[in-house]
Amino acid sequence: MDSILKQMEDNGYVKKSGKGYRSTSKAHYTILEDRLIVEHFAQVWRKLVNYYSGCTNLKYIYSLLYISCAMTLSHRHRSTTKKIFSKHRKTLQVFDGDFSTSFIRRGEI
């Protein structure tokens, strides 16, 4: 678990905060469309689940990535995460024309 969190910290998804970690916004992703931001975070989550599925409890990692995705969207729109959750609902579902993308729920993989 520590190695996963260290990798996430090195990649800018989380920051060390006292004894634990906290989610952060990926500021350089704010130039991307909402759909691409959500797809990227969902892809990172899928990779982690596929590689570490039998090894560790990923509930903490999921919540950090989920909040980081919401914070990045709120940073992009100069808004709050609360407004992002009310706009895109709990699944962070983003509509782009005919396509819809959402952050994968923990049990769906």
PDB file of N, CA and C in Angstrom:
ATOM      1  N   MET A   1       0.832  -1.191   0.000  1.00  0.00           N
ATOM      2  CA  MET A   1       0.000   0.000   0.000  1.00  0.00           C
ATOM      3  C   MET A   1       0.877   1.256   0.000  1.00  0.00           C
ATOM      4  N   ASP A   2       1.966   1.223   0.740  1.00  0.00           N
ATOM      5  CA  ASP A   2       2.848   2.390   0.792  1.00  0.00           C
ATOM      6  C   ASP A   2       3.472   2.692  -0.562  1.00  0.00           C
ATOM      7  N   SER A   3       3.800   1.655  -1.307  1.00  0.00           N
ATOM      8  CA  SER A   3       4.408   1.881  -2.626  1.00  0.00           C
ATOM      9  C   SER A   3       3.403   2.505  -3.593  1.00  0.00           C
ATOM     10  N   ILE A   4       2.139   2.105  -3.507  1.00  0.00           N
ATOM     11  CA  ILE A   4       1.101   2.688  -4.360  1.00  0.00           C
ATOM     12  C   ILE A   4       0.932   4.163  -4.024  1.00  0.00           C
ATOM     13  N   LEU A   5       0.857   4.484  -2.744  1.00  0.00           N
ATOM     14  CA  LEU A   5       0.676   5.866  -2.323  1.00  0.00           C
ATOM     15  C   LEU A   5       1.885   6.721  -2.697  1.00  0.00           C
ATOM     16  N   LYS A   6       3.077   6.153  -2.605  1.00  0.00           N
ATOM     17  CA  LYS A   6       4.286   6.885  -2.995  1.00  0.00           C
ATOM     18  C   LYS A   6       4.265   7.189  -4.495  1.00  0.00           C
ATOM     19  N   GLN A   7       3.844   6.222  -5.316  1.00  0.00           N
ATOM     20  CA  GLN A   7       3.732   6.447  -6.761  1.00  0.00           C
ATOM     21  C   GLN A   7       2.697   7.523  -7.065  1.00  0.00           C
ATOM     22  N   MET A   8       1.579   7.469  -6.358  1.00  0.00           N
ATOM     23  CA  MET A   8       0.533   8.471  -6.570  1.00  0.00           C
ATOM     24  C   MET A   8       1.027   9.855  -6.154  1.00  0.00           C
ATOM     25  N   GLU A   9       1.826   9.921  -5.101  1.00  0.00           N
ATOM     26  CA  GLU A   9       2.389  11.196  -4.679  1.00  0.00           C
ATOM     27  C   GLU A   9       3.385  11.712  -5.721  1.00  0.00           C
ATOM     28  N   ASP A  10       4.217  10.836  -6.247  1.00  0.00           N
ATOM     29  CA  ASP A  10       5.186  11.233  -7.273  1.00  0.00           C
ATOM     30  C   ASP A  10       4.497  11.718  -8.546  1.00  0.00           C
ATOM     31  N   ASN A  11       3.345  11.137  -8.868  1.00  0.00           N
ATOM     32  CA  ASN A  11       2.602  11.525 -10.068  1.00  0.00           C
ATOM     33  C   ASN A  11       1.663  12.711  -9.836  1.00  0.00           C
ATOM     34  N   GLY A  12       1.551  13.188  -8.604  1.00  0.00           N
ATOM     35  CA  GLY A  12       0.785  14.396  -8.328  1.00  0.00           C
ATOM     36  C   GLY A  12      -0.689  14.202  -8.034  1.00  0.00           C
ATOM     37  N   TYR A  13      -1.117  12.987  -7.744  1.00  0.00           N
ATOM     38  CA  TYR A  13      -2.527  12.753  -7.424  1.00  0.00           C
ATOM     39  C   TYR A  13      -2.830  13.026  -5.953  1.00  0.00           C
ATOM     40  N   VAL A  14      -1.842  12.841  -5.085  1.00  0.00           N
ATOM     41  CA  VAL A  14      -2.018  13.046  -3.650  1.00  0.00           C
ATOM     42  C   VAL A  14      -0.796  13.768  -3.094  1.00  0.00           C
ATOM     43  N   LYS A  15      -0.951  14.293  -1.873  1.00  0.00           N
ATOM     44  CA  LYS A  15       0.158  14.891  -1.139  1.00  0.00           C
ATOM     45  C   LYS A  15       0.204  14.282   0.248  1.00  0.00           C
ATOM     46  N   LYS A  16       1.401  14.173   0.778  1.00  0.00           N
ATOM     47  CA  LYS A  16       1.572  13.665   2.144  1.00  0.00           C
ATOM     48  C   LYS A  16       1.080  14.737   3.102  1.00  0.00           C
ATOM     49  N   SER A  17       0.267  14.331   4.051  1.00  0.00           N
ATOM     50  CA  SER A  17      -0.308  15.264   5.008  1.00  0.00           C
ATOM     51  C   SER A  17      -0.256  14.633   6.393  1.00  0.00           C
ATOM     52  N   GLY A  18       0.727  14.988   7.166  1.00  0.00           N
ATOM     53  CA  GLY A  18       0.868  14.398   8.495  1.00  0.00           C
ATOM     54  C   GLY A  18       1.144  12.913   8.398  1.00  0.00           C
ATOM     55  N   LYS A  19       0.268  12.112   8.978  1.00  0.00           N
ATOM     56  CA  LYS A  19       0.437  10.656   8.946  1.00  0.00           C
ATOM     57  C   LYS A  19      -0.177  10.018   7.710  1.00  0.00           C
ATOM     58  N   GLY A  20      -1.048  10.735   7.021  1.00  0.00           N
ATOM     59  CA  GLY A  20      -1.747  10.162   5.879  1.00  0.00           C
ATOM     60  C   GLY A  20      -1.506  10.943   4.601  1.00  0.00           C
ATOM     61  N   TYR A  21      -2.428  10.782   3.681  1.00  0.00           N
ATOM     62  CA  TYR A  21      -2.352  11.468   2.394  1.00  0.00           C
ATOM     63  C   TYR A  21      -3.655  12.202   2.145  1.00  0.00           C
ATOM     64  N   ARG A  22      -3.584  13.240   1.313  1.00  0.00           N
ATOM     65  CA  ARG A  22      -4.806  13.941   0.922  1.00  0.00           C
ATOM     66  C   ARG A  22      -4.785  14.133  -0.589  1.00  0.00           C
ATOM     67  N   SER A  23      -5.963  14.181  -1.175  1.00  0.00           N
ATOM     68  CA  SER A  23      -6.106  14.343  -2.621  1.00  0.00           C
ATOM     69  C   SER A  23      -5.719  15.754  -3.036  1.00  0.00           C
ATOM     70  N   THR A  24      -5.216  15.872  -4.271  1.00  0.00           N
ATOM     71  CA  THR A  24      -4.891  17.182  -4.816  1.00  0.00           C
ATOM     72  C   THR A  24      -5.421  17.283  -6.240  1.00  0.00           C
ATOM     73  N   SER A  25      -5.524  18.491  -6.702  1.00  0.00           N
ATOM     74  CA  SER A  25      -5.941  18.737  -8.074  1.00  0.00           C
ATOM     75  C   SER A  25      -4.715  18.645  -8.980  1.00  0.00           C
ATOM     76  N   LYS A  26      -4.891  18.051 -10.147  1.00  0.00           N
ATOM     77  CA  LYS A  26      -3.807  18.016 -11.136  1.00  0.00           C
ATOM     78  C   LYS A  26      -3.978  19.239 -12.028  1.00  0.00           C
ATOM     79  N   ALA A  27      -3.286  20.318 -11.677  1.00  0.00           N
ATOM     80  CA  ALA A  27      -3.489  21.624 -12.305  1.00  0.00           C
ATOM     81  C   ALA A  27      -3.216  21.613 -13.803  1.00  0.00           C
ATOM     82  N   HIS A  28      -2.243  20.833 -14.248  1.00  0.00           N
ATOM     83  CA  HIS A  28      -1.935  20.850 -15.681  1.00  0.00           C
ATOM     84  C   HIS A  28      -2.958  20.079 -16.509  1.00  0.00           C
ATOM     85  N   TYR A  29      -3.930  19.415 -15.885  1.00  0.00           N
ATOM     86  CA  TYR A  29      -5.015  18.755 -16.613  1.00  0.00           C
ATOM     87  C   TYR A  29      -6.202  19.683 -16.857  1.00  0.00           C
ATOM     88  N   THR A  30      -6.146  20.887 -16.311  1.00  0.00           N
ATOM     89  CA  THR A  30      -7.288  21.790 -16.418  1.00  0.00           C
ATOM     90  C   THR A  30      -7.512  22.286 -17.842  1.00  0.00           C
ATOM     91  N   ILE A  31      -6.551  22.102 -18.728  1.00  0.00           N
ATOM     92  CA  ILE A  31      -6.731  22.505 -20.125  1.00  0.00           C
ATOM     93  C   ILE A  31      -7.522  21.468 -20.910  1.00  0.00           C
ATOM     94  N   LEU A  32      -7.689  20.270 -20.347  1.00  0.00           N
ATOM     95  CA  LEU A  32      -8.408  19.191 -21.021  1.00  0.00           C
ATOM     96  C   LEU A  32      -9.915  19.339 -20.831  1.00  0.00           C
ATOM     97  N   GLU A  33     -10.672  18.664 -21.682  1.00  0.00           N
ATOM     98  CA  GLU A  33     -12.127  18.626 -21.532  1.00  0.00           C
ATOM     99  C   GLU A  33     -12.489  17.766 -20.316  1.00  0.00           C
ATOM    100  N   ASP A  34     -13.681  17.990 -19.793  1.00  0.00           N
ATOM    101  CA  ASP A  34     -14.142  17.229 -18.628  1.00  0.00           C
ATOM    102  C   ASP A  34     -14.114  15.729 -18.895  1.00  0.00           C
ATOM    103  N   ARG A  35     -14.563  15.345 -20.072  1.00  0.00           N
ATOM    104  CA  ARG A  35     -14.616  13.925 -20.424  1.00  0.00           C
ATOM    105  C   ARG A  35     -13.232  13.289 -20.366  1.00  0.00           C
ATOM    106  N   LEU A  36     -12.231  13.987 -20.855  1.00  0.00           N
ATOM    107  CA  LEU A  36     -10.874  13.452 -20.861  1.00  0.00           C
ATOM    108  C   LEU A  36     -10.290  13.357 -19.457  1.00  0.00           C
ATOM    109  N   ILE A  37     -10.633  14.311 -18.621  1.00  0.00           N
ATOM    110  CA  ILE A  37     -10.161  14.276 -17.234  1.00  0.00           C
ATOM    111  C   ILE A  37     -10.725  13.054 -16.522  1.00  0.00           C
ATOM    112  N   VAL A  38     -12.041  12.846 -16.635  1.00  0.00           N
ATOM    113  CA  VAL A  38     -12.683  11.710 -15.969  1.00  0.00           C
ATOM    114  C   VAL A  38     -12.164  10.386 -16.544  1.00  0.00           C
ATOM    115  N   GLU A  39     -11.991  10.318 -17.859  1.00  0.00           N
ATOM    116  CA  GLU A  39     -11.466   9.096 -18.476  1.00  0.00           C
ATOM    117  C   GLU A  39     -10.056   8.784 -17.986  1.00  0.00           C
ATOM    118  N   HIS A  40      -9.235   9.808 -17.832  1.00  0.00           N
ATOM    119  CA  HIS A  40      -7.866   9.582 -17.352  1.00  0.00           C
ATOM    120  C   HIS A  40      -7.868   9.003 -15.939  1.00  0.00           C
ATOM    121  N   PHE A  41      -8.628   9.615 -15.043  1.00  0.00           N
ATOM    122  CA  PHE A  41      -8.661   9.128 -13.668  1.00  0.00           C
ATOM    123  C   PHE A  41      -9.255   7.724 -13.595  1.00  0.00           C
ATOM    124  N   ALA A  42     -10.261   7.447 -14.403  1.00  0.00           N
ATOM    125  CA  ALA A  42     -10.843   6.097 -14.432  1.00  0.00           C
ATOM    126  C   ALA A  42      -9.830   5.090 -14.953  1.00  0.00           C
ATOM    127  N   GLN A  43      -9.025   5.492 -15.920  1.00  0.00           N
ATOM    128  CA  GLN A  43      -8.002   4.588 -16.461  1.00  0.00           C
ATOM    129  C   GLN A  43      -6.923   4.303 -15.414  1.00  0.00           C
ATOM    130  N   VAL A  44      -6.515   5.308 -14.674  1.00  0.00           N
ATOM    131  CA  VAL A  44      -5.540   5.102 -13.601  1.00  0.00           C
ATOM    132  C   VAL A  44      -6.101   4.129 -12.578  1.00  0.00           C
ATOM    133  N   TRP A  45      -7.377   4.287 -12.217  1.00  0.00           N
ATOM    134  CA  TRP A  45      -8.018   3.392 -11.257  1.00  0.00           C
ATOM    135  C   TRP A  45      -8.071   1.958 -11.790  1.00  0.00           C
ATOM    136  N   ARG A  46      -8.444   1.805 -13.077  1.00  0.00           N
ATOM    137  CA  ARG A  46      -8.508   0.470 -13.680  1.00  0.00           C
ATOM    138  C   ARG A  46      -7.149  -0.223 -13.636  1.00  0.00           C
ATOM    139  N   LYS A  47      -6.094   0.510 -13.951  1.00  0.00           N
ATOM    140  CA  LYS A  47      -4.748  -0.072 -13.935  1.00  0.00           C
ATOM    141  C   LYS A  47      -4.378  -0.547 -12.533  1.00  0.00           C
ATOM    142  N   LEU A  48      -4.680   0.258 -11.537  1.00  0.00           N
ATOM    143  CA  LEU A  48      -4.367  -0.125 -10.159  1.00  0.00           C
ATOM    144  C   LEU A  48      -5.142  -1.364  -9.729  1.00  0.00           C
ATOM    145  N   VAL A  49      -6.423  -1.395 -10.064  1.00  0.00           N
ATOM    146  CA  VAL A  49      -7.255  -2.529  -9.675  1.00  0.00           C
ATOM    147  C   VAL A  49      -6.799  -3.806 -10.373  1.00  0.00           C
ATOM    148  N   ASN A  50      -6.488  -3.704 -11.645  1.00  0.00           N
ATOM    149  CA  ASN A  50      -6.056  -4.890 -12.382  1.00  0.00           C
ATOM    150  C   ASN A  50      -4.735  -5.439 -11.854  1.00  0.00           C
ATOM    151  N   TYR A  51      -3.841  -4.583 -11.439  1.00  0.00           N
ATOM    152  CA  TYR A  51      -2.538  -5.050 -10.982  1.00  0.00           C
ATOM    153  C   TYR A  51      -2.552  -5.489  -9.523  1.00  0.00           C
ATOM    154  N   TYR A  52      -3.242  -4.726  -8.663  1.00  0.00           N
ATOM    155  CA  TYR A  52      -3.203  -4.985  -7.223  1.00  0.00           C
ATOM    156  C   TYR A  52      -4.482  -5.603  -6.672  1.00  0.00           C
ATOM    157  N   SER A  53      -5.358  -6.126  -7.494  1.00  0.00           N
ATOM    158  CA  SER A  53      -6.680  -6.557  -7.038  1.00  0.00           C
ATOM    159  C   SER A  53      -6.639  -7.584  -5.910  1.00  0.00           C
ATOM    160  N   GLY A  54      -5.767  -8.542  -5.970  1.00  0.00           N
ATOM    161  CA  GLY A  54      -5.751  -9.570  -4.940  1.00  0.00           C
ATOM    162  C   GLY A  54      -4.819  -9.281  -3.796  1.00  0.00           C
ATOM    163  N   CYS A  55      -4.078  -8.206  -3.867  1.00  0.00           N
ATOM    164  CA  CYS A  55      -3.008  -7.968  -2.905  1.00  0.00           C
ATOM    165  C   CYS A  55      -3.391  -7.099  -1.712  1.00  0.00           C
ATOM    166  N   THR A  56      -4.214  -6.115  -1.921  1.00  0.00           N
ATOM    167  CA  THR A  56      -4.421  -5.137  -0.869  1.00  0.00           C
ATOM    168  C   THR A  56      -5.841  -4.562  -0.925  1.00  0.00           C
ATOM    169  N   ASN A  57      -6.197  -3.890   0.127  1.00  0.00           N
ATOM    170  CA  ASN A  57      -7.482  -3.209   0.187  1.00  0.00           C
ATOM    171  C   ASN A  57      -7.332  -1.851  -0.495  1.00  0.00           C
ATOM    172  N   LEU A  58      -8.021  -1.658  -1.600  1.00  0.00           N
ATOM    173  CA  LEU A  58      -7.847  -0.448  -2.399  1.00  0.00           C
ATOM    174  C   LEU A  58      -8.905   0.621  -2.127  1.00  0.00           C
ATOM    175  N   LYS A  59      -9.691   0.453  -1.081  1.00  0.00           N
ATOM    176  CA  LYS A  59     -10.759   1.401  -0.775  1.00  0.00           C
ATOM    177  C   LYS A  59     -10.210   2.819  -0.537  1.00  0.00           C
ATOM    178  N   TYR A  60      -9.111   2.926   0.191  1.00  0.00           N
ATOM    179  CA  TYR A  60      -8.483   4.216   0.495  1.00  0.00           C
ATOM    180  C   TYR A  60      -7.947   4.856  -0.791  1.00  0.00           C
ATOM    181  N   ILE A  61      -7.317   4.048  -1.641  1.00  0.00           N
ATOM    182  CA  ILE A  61      -6.770   4.537  -2.904  1.00  0.00           C
ATOM    183  C   ILE A  61      -7.898   5.050  -3.798  1.00  0.00           C
ATOM    184  N   TYR A  62      -9.006   4.301  -3.837  1.00  0.00           N
ATOM    185  CA  TYR A  62     -10.161   4.709  -4.646  1.00  0.00           C
ATOM    186  C   TYR A  62     -10.663   6.075  -4.205  1.00  0.00           C
ATOM    187  N   SER A  63     -10.834   6.258  -2.922  1.00  0.00           N
ATOM    188  CA  SER A  63     -11.381   7.525  -2.444  1.00  0.00           C
ATOM    189  C   SER A  63     -10.426   8.682  -2.733  1.00  0.00           C
ATOM    190  N   LEU A  64      -9.122   8.454  -2.636  1.00  0.00           N
ATOM    191  CA  LEU A  64      -8.161   9.507  -2.951  1.00  0.00           C
ATOM    192  C   LEU A  64      -8.227   9.897  -4.429  1.00  0.00           C
ATOM    193  N   LEU A  65      -8.302   8.905  -5.323  1.00  0.00           N
ATOM    194  CA  LEU A  65      -8.383   9.188  -6.761  1.00  0.00           C
ATOM    195  C   LEU A  65      -9.705   9.852  -7.130  1.00  0.00           C
ATOM    196  N   TYR A  66     -10.767   9.391  -6.531  1.00  0.00           N
ATOM    197  CA  TYR A  66     -12.108   9.922  -6.791  1.00  0.00           C
ATOM    198  C   TYR A  66     -12.181  11.403  -6.422  1.00  0.00           C
ATOM    199  N   ILE A  67     -11.695  11.745  -5.255  1.00  0.00           N
ATOM    200  CA  ILE A  67     -11.700  13.137  -4.805  1.00  0.00           C
ATOM    201  C   ILE A  67     -10.734  13.974  -5.640  1.00  0.00           C
ATOM    202  N   SER A  68      -9.600  13.398  -6.008  1.00  0.00           N
ATOM    203  CA  SER A  68      -8.642  14.103  -6.850  1.00  0.00           C
ATOM    204  C   SER A  68      -9.257  14.452  -8.206  1.00  0.00           C
ATOM    205  N   CYS A  69     -10.035  13.537  -8.765  1.00  0.00           N
ATOM    206  CA  CYS A  69     -10.731  13.783 -10.026  1.00  0.00           C
ATOM    207  C   CYS A  69     -11.731  14.934  -9.868  1.00  0.00           C
ATOM    208  N   ALA A  70     -12.498  14.909  -8.800  1.00  0.00           N
ATOM    209  CA  ALA A  70     -13.473  15.972  -8.553  1.00  0.00           C
ATOM    210  C   ALA A  70     -12.775  17.313  -8.320  1.00  0.00           C
ATOM    211  N   MET A  71     -11.651  17.293  -7.631  1.00  0.00           N
ATOM    212  CA  MET A  71     -10.908  18.527  -7.381  1.00  0.00           C
ATOM    213  C   MET A  71     -10.328  19.095  -8.677  1.00  0.00           C
ATOM    214  N   THR A  72      -9.884  18.221  -9.570  1.00  0.00           N
ATOM    215  CA  THR A  72      -9.359  18.674 -10.856  1.00  0.00           C
ATOM    216  C   THR A  72     -10.461  19.316 -11.689  1.00  0.00           C
ATOM    217  N   LEU A  73     -11.645  18.693 -11.695  1.00  0.00           N
ATOM    218  CA  LEU A  73     -12.786  19.285 -12.409  1.00  0.00           C
ATOM    219  C   LEU A  73     -13.173  20.632 -11.803  1.00  0.00           C
ATOM    220  N   SER A  74     -13.172  20.719 -10.486  1.00  0.00           N
ATOM    221  CA  SER A  74     -13.536  21.987  -9.855  1.00  0.00           C
ATOM    222  C   SER A  74     -12.470  23.052 -10.112  1.00  0.00           C
ATOM    223  N   HIS A  75     -11.223  22.649 -10.168  1.00  0.00           N
ATOM    224  CA  HIS A  75     -10.151  23.588 -10.502  1.00  0.00           C
ATOM    225  C   HIS A  75     -10.318  24.101 -11.931  1.00  0.00           C
ATOM    226  N   ARG A  76     -10.701  23.215 -12.834  1.00  0.00           N
ATOM    227  CA  ARG A  76     -10.897  23.598 -14.230  1.00  0.00           C
ATOM    228  C   ARG A  76     -12.015  24.620 -14.386  1.00  0.00           C
ATOM    229  N   HIS A  77     -13.090  24.443 -13.639  1.00  0.00           N
ATOM    230  CA  HIS A  77     -14.255  25.326 -13.755  1.00  0.00           C
ATOM    231  C   HIS A  77     -14.250  26.460 -12.733  1.00  0.00           C
ATOM    232  N   ARG A  78     -13.176  26.553 -11.956  1.00  0.00           N
ATOM    233  CA  ARG A  78     -13.063  27.572 -10.902  1.00  0.00           C
ATOM    234  C   ARG A  78     -14.291  27.528  -9.995  1.00  0.00           C
ATOM    235  N   SER A  79     -14.527  26.348  -9.478  1.00  0.00           N
ATOM    236  CA  SER A  79     -15.715  26.087  -8.679  1.00  0.00           C
ATOM    237  C   SER A  79     -15.301  25.305  -7.431  1.00  0.00           C
ATOM    238  N   THR A  80     -16.278  24.788  -6.713  1.00  0.00           N
ATOM    239  CA  THR A  80     -16.002  23.949  -5.557  1.00  0.00           C
ATOM    240  C   THR A  80     -16.322  22.495  -5.886  1.00  0.00           C
ATOM    241  N   THR A  81     -15.758  21.580  -5.115  1.00  0.00           N
ATOM    242  CA  THR A  81     -16.046  20.164  -5.351  1.00  0.00           C
ATOM    243  C   THR A  81     -17.512  19.861  -5.065  1.00  0.00           C
ATOM    244  N   LYS A  82     -18.100  20.568  -4.128  1.00  0.00           N
ATOM    245  CA  LYS A  82     -19.515  20.360  -3.824  1.00  0.00           C
ATOM    246  C   LYS A  82     -20.382  20.666  -5.042  1.00  0.00           C
ATOM    247  N   LYS A  83     -20.070  21.758  -5.752  1.00  0.00           N
ATOM    248  CA  LYS A  83     -20.826  22.109  -6.952  1.00  0.00           C
ATOM    249  C   LYS A  83     -20.582  21.100  -8.070  1.00  0.00           C
ATOM    250  N   ILE A  84     -19.374  20.567  -8.143  1.00  0.00           N
ATOM    251  CA  ILE A  84     -19.063  19.546  -9.156  1.00  0.00           C
ATOM    252  C   ILE A  84     -19.881  18.295  -8.892  1.00  0.00           C
ATOM    253  N   PHE A  85     -19.966  17.873  -7.629  1.00  0.00           N
ATOM    254  CA  PHE A  85     -20.761  16.687  -7.300  1.00  0.00           C
ATOM    255  C   PHE A  85     -22.249  16.916  -7.557  1.00  0.00           C
ATOM    256  N   SER A  86     -22.737  18.113  -7.336  1.00  0.00           N
ATOM    257  CA  SER A  86     -24.154  18.357  -7.612  1.00  0.00           C
ATOM    258  C   SER A  86     -24.417  18.428  -9.121  1.00  0.00           C
ATOM    259  N   LYS A  87     -23.429  18.889  -9.892  1.00  0.00           N
ATOM    260  CA  LYS A  87     -23.595  18.979 -11.338  1.00  0.00           C
ATOM    261  C   LYS A  87     -23.450  17.616 -12.016  1.00  0.00           C
ATOM    262  N   HIS A  88     -22.429  16.857 -11.640  1.00  0.00           N
ATOM    263  CA  HIS A  88     -22.125  15.579 -12.293  1.00  0.00           C
ATOM    264  C   HIS A  88     -22.559  14.360 -11.477  1.00  0.00           C
ATOM    265  N   ARG A  89     -23.252  14.587 -10.409  1.00  0.00           N
ATOM    266  CA  ARG A  89     -23.738  13.533  -9.522  1.00  0.00           C
ATOM    267  C   ARG A  89     -22.597  12.765  -8.866  1.00  0.00           C
ATOM    268  N   LYS A  90     -22.944  11.774  -8.117  1.00  0.00           N
ATOM    269  CA  LYS A  90     -21.960  11.024  -7.342  1.00  0.00           C
ATOM    270  C   LYS A  90     -20.998  10.226  -8.218  1.00  0.00           C
ATOM    271  N   THR A  91     -21.420   9.856  -9.420  1.00  0.00           N
ATOM    272  CA  THR A  91     -20.572   9.051 -10.297  1.00  0.00           C
ATOM    273  C   THR A  91     -19.649   9.894 -11.158  1.00  0.00           C
ATOM    274  N   LEU A  92     -19.711  11.214 -11.029  1.00  0.00           N
ATOM    275  CA  LEU A  92     -18.944  12.134 -11.869  1.00  0.00           C
ATOM    276  C   LEU A  92     -19.199  11.849 -13.342  1.00  0.00           C
ATOM    277  N   GLN A  93     -20.454  11.708 -13.698  1.00  0.00           N
ATOM    278  CA  GLN A  93     -20.840  11.406 -15.074  1.00  0.00           C
ATOM    279  C   GLN A  93     -20.807  12.674 -15.905  1.00  0.00           C
ATOM    280  N   VAL A  94     -20.046  12.623 -17.007  1.00  0.00           N
ATOM    281  CA  VAL A  94     -19.860  13.772 -17.891  1.00  0.00           C
ATOM    282  C   VAL A  94     -20.425  13.424 -19.254  1.00  0.00           C
ATOM    283  N   PHE A  95     -21.266  14.297 -19.789  1.00  0.00           N
ATOM    284  CA  PHE A  95     -21.845  14.102 -21.116  1.00  0.00           C
ATOM    285  C   PHE A  95     -21.107  14.962 -22.126  1.00  0.00           C
ATOM    286  N   ASP A  96     -20.781  14.364 -23.259  1.00  0.00           N
ATOM    287  CA  ASP A  96     -20.107  15.079 -24.340  1.00  0.00           C
ATOM    288  C   ASP A  96     -20.768  14.678 -25.649  1.00  0.00           C
ATOM    289  N   GLY A  97     -21.772  15.432 -26.038  1.00  0.00           N
ATOM    290  CA  GLY A  97     -22.519  15.095 -27.251  1.00  0.00           C
ATOM    291  C   GLY A  97     -23.278  13.789 -27.051  1.00  0.00           C
ATOM    292  N   ASP A  98     -22.952  12.788 -27.867  1.00  0.00           N
ATOM    293  CA  ASP A  98     -23.607  11.480 -27.778  1.00  0.00           C
ATOM    294  C   ASP A  98     -22.940  10.556 -26.768  1.00  0.00           C
ATOM    295  N   PHE A  99     -21.792  10.953 -26.239  1.00  0.00           N
ATOM    296  CA  PHE A  99     -21.026  10.078 -25.361  1.00  0.00           C
ATOM    297  C   PHE A  99     -21.163  10.499 -23.906  1.00  0.00           C
ATOM    298  N   SER A 100     -21.097   9.508 -23.045  1.00  0.00           N
ATOM    299  CA  SER A 100     -21.156   9.740 -21.611  1.00  0.00           C
ATOM    300  C   SER A 100     -20.002   8.985 -20.949  1.00  0.00           C
ATOM    301  N   THR A 101     -19.325   9.638 -20.044  1.00  0.00           N
ATOM    302  CA  THR A 101     -18.218   9.032 -19.319  1.00  0.00           C
ATOM    303  C   THR A 101     -18.453   9.245 -17.839  1.00  0.00           C
ATOM    304  N   SER A 102     -18.123   8.258 -17.040  1.00  0.00           N
ATOM    305  CA  SER A 102     -18.229   8.430 -15.600  1.00  0.00           C
ATOM    306  C   SER A 102     -17.072   7.717 -14.912  1.00  0.00           C
ATOM    307  N   PHE A 103     -16.778   8.174 -13.715  1.00  0.00           N
ATOM    308  CA  PHE A 103     -15.732   7.546 -12.902  1.00  0.00           C
ATOM    309  C   PHE A 103     -16.293   6.204 -12.429  1.00  0.00           C
ATOM    310  N   ILE A 104     -15.545   5.168 -12.573  1.00  0.00           N
ATOM    311  CA  ILE A 104     -16.001   3.815 -12.257  1.00  0.00           C
ATOM    312  C   ILE A 104     -16.211   3.661 -10.758  1.00  0.00           C
ATOM    313  N   ARG A 105     -17.305   3.064 -10.394  1.00  0.00           N
ATOM    314  CA  ARG A 105     -17.518   2.756  -8.985  1.00  0.00           C
ATOM    315  C   ARG A 105     -16.632   1.591  -8.597  1.00  0.00           C
ATOM    316  N   ARG A 106     -16.298   1.531  -7.330  1.00  0.00           N
ATOM    317  CA  ARG A 106     -15.309   0.589  -6.832  1.00  0.00           C
ATOM    318  C   ARG A 106     -15.620  -0.864  -7.174  1.00  0.00           C
ATOM    319  N   GLY A 107     -16.831  -1.281  -7.137  1.00  0.00           N
ATOM    320  CA  GLY A 107     -17.168  -2.685  -7.353  1.00  0.00           C
ATOM    321  C   GLY A 107     -17.441  -3.073  -8.800  1.00  0.00           C
ATOM    322  N   GLU A 108     -17.293  -2.147  -9.746  1.00  0.00           N
ATOM    323  CA  GLU A 108     -17.699  -2.421 -11.127  1.00  0.00           C
ATOM    324  C   GLU A 108     -16.637  -3.084 -11.988  1.00  0.00           C
ATOM    325  N   ILE A 109     -15.450  -3.230 -11.512  1.00  0.00           N
ATOM    326  CA  ILE A 109     -14.411  -3.810 -12.382  1.00  0.00           C
ATOM    327  C   ILE A 109     -14.367  -5.300 -12.263  1.00  0.00           C
TER     328      ILE A 109
END
